[in-house]
């Protein structure tokens, strides 16, 4: 089963079954830790948006 197929199967679950699955997943320390790590990576990814601002490139001339 591919990840996409698994994802679609989970999405197709009735609400109650999906809640039970998520509860089990979040109670697993290994999976919960991995989700937390991915969450932190996502947060840090957003912080780099500041550096992608072309208006800030004007200051690069002064750094030399």
C-alpha atoms as a PDB file:
ATOM      1  CA  UNK A   1       0.000   0.000   0.000  1.00  0.00           C
ATOM      2  CA  UNK A   2       1.373   3.391  -0.947  1.00  0.00           C
ATOM      3  CA  UNK A   3       1.380   6.399   1.334  1.00  0.00           C
ATOM      4  CA  UNK A   4      -1.238   8.076  -0.857  1.00  0.00           C
ATOM      5  CA  UNK A   5      -3.504   5.015  -0.613  1.00  0.00           C
ATOM      6  CA  UNK A   6      -3.055   4.887   3.155  1.00  0.00           C
ATOM      7  CA  UNK A   7      -3.845   8.589   3.414  1.00  0.00           C
ATOM      8  CA  UNK A   8      -7.008   8.158   1.358  1.00  0.00           C
ATOM      9  CA  UNK A   9      -8.086   5.201   3.499  1.00  0.00           C
ATOM     10  CA  UNK A  10      -7.646   7.232   6.677  1.00  0.00           C
ATOM     11  CA  UNK A  11      -9.582  10.158   5.183  1.00  0.00           C
ATOM     12  CA  UNK A  12     -12.392   7.773   4.230  1.00  0.00           C
ATOM     13  CA  UNK A  13     -12.794   6.486   7.784  1.00  0.00           C
ATOM     14  CA  UNK A  14     -15.901   7.526   9.685  1.00  0.00           C
ATOM     15  CA  UNK A  15     -15.209  10.404  12.066  1.00  0.00           C
ATOM     16  CA  UNK A  16     -15.301   8.219  15.183  1.00  0.00           C
ATOM     17  CA  UNK A  17     -12.838   5.650  13.765  1.00  0.00           C
ATOM     18  CA  UNK A  18     -10.527   8.439  12.585  1.00  0.00           C
ATOM     19  CA  UNK A  19     -10.543   9.939  16.094  1.00  0.00           C
ATOM     20  CA  UNK A  20      -9.682   6.543  17.596  1.00  0.00           C
ATOM     21  CA  UNK A  21      -6.809   6.123  15.143  1.00  0.00           C
ATOM     22  CA  UNK A  22      -5.424   9.588  15.861  1.00  0.00           C
ATOM     23  CA  UNK A  23      -5.699   8.999  19.594  1.00  0.00           C
ATOM     24  CA  UNK A  24      -3.654   5.792  19.293  1.00  0.00           C
ATOM     25  CA  UNK A  25      -1.090   7.449  17.051  1.00  0.00           C
ATOM     26  CA  UNK A  26      -0.629  10.426  19.373  1.00  0.00           C
ATOM     27  CA  UNK A  27      -0.282   8.172  22.421  1.00  0.00           C
ATOM     28  CA  UNK A  28       2.643   6.342  20.836  1.00  0.00           C
ATOM     29  CA  UNK A  29       5.762   8.128  22.165  1.00  0.00           C
ATOM     30  CA  UNK A  30       7.864   7.383  19.084  1.00  0.00           C
ATOM     31  CA  UNK A  31       5.270   8.638  16.595  1.00  0.00           C
ATOM     32  CA  UNK A  32       4.326  11.575  18.804  1.00  0.00           C
ATOM     33  CA  UNK A  33       7.995  12.576  19.049  1.00  0.00           C
ATOM     34  CA  UNK A  34       8.392  12.393  15.285  1.00  0.00           C
ATOM     35  CA  UNK A  35       5.298  14.570  14.778  1.00  0.00           C
ATOM     36  CA  UNK A  36       6.688  17.095  17.246  1.00  0.00           C
ATOM     37  CA  UNK A  37      10.031  17.135  15.432  1.00  0.00           C
ATOM     38  CA  UNK A  38       8.283  17.709  12.103  1.00  0.00           C
ATOM     39  CA  UNK A  39       6.260  20.510  13.676  1.00  0.00           C
ATOM     40  CA  UNK A  40       9.416  22.254  14.848  1.00  0.00           C
ATOM     41  CA  UNK A  41      10.969  21.876  11.405  1.00  0.00           C
ATOM     42  CA  UNK A  42       7.883  23.441   9.859  1.00  0.00           C
ATOM     43  CA  UNK A  43       8.091  26.373  12.279  1.00  0.00           C
ATOM     44  CA  UNK A  44      11.752  26.996  11.526  1.00  0.00           C
ATOM     45  CA  UNK A  45      11.053  26.768   7.807  1.00  0.00           C
ATOM     46  CA  UNK A  46       8.660  29.708   8.116  1.00  0.00           C
ATOM     47  CA  UNK A  47      11.298  31.802   9.869  1.00  0.00           C
ATOM     48  CA  UNK A  48      13.455  31.740   6.736  1.00  0.00           C
ATOM     49  CA  UNK A  49      10.773  33.570   4.743  1.00  0.00           C
ATOM     50  CA  UNK A  50      12.195  36.796   6.141  1.00  0.00           C
ATOM     51  CA  UNK A  51      15.468  36.165   4.326  1.00  0.00           C
ATOM     52  CA  UNK A  52      13.698  35.584   1.016  1.00  0.00           C
ATOM     53  CA  UNK A  53      12.503  39.196   0.860  1.00  0.00           C
ATOM     54  CA  UNK A  54      14.031  40.880  -2.228  1.00  0.00           C
ATOM     55  CA  UNK A  55      13.677  44.272  -0.513  1.00  0.00           C
ATOM     56  CA  UNK A  56      16.316  43.127   1.976  1.00  0.00           C
ATOM     57  CA  UNK A  57      18.858  42.505  -0.811  1.00  0.00           C
ATOM     58  CA  UNK A  58      19.669  46.208  -0.843  1.00  0.00           C
ATOM     59  CA  UNK A  59      21.665  45.719   2.369  1.00  0.00           C
ATOM     60  CA  UNK A  60      23.964  43.153   0.770  1.00  0.00           C
ATOM     61  CA  UNK A  61      25.926  45.979  -0.857  1.00  0.00           C
ATOM     62  CA  UNK A  62      26.782  47.372   2.575  1.00  0.00           C
ATOM     63  CA  UNK A  63      27.960  44.027   3.914  1.00  0.00           C
ATOM     64  CA  UNK A  64      30.972  43.905   1.576  1.00  0.00           C
END
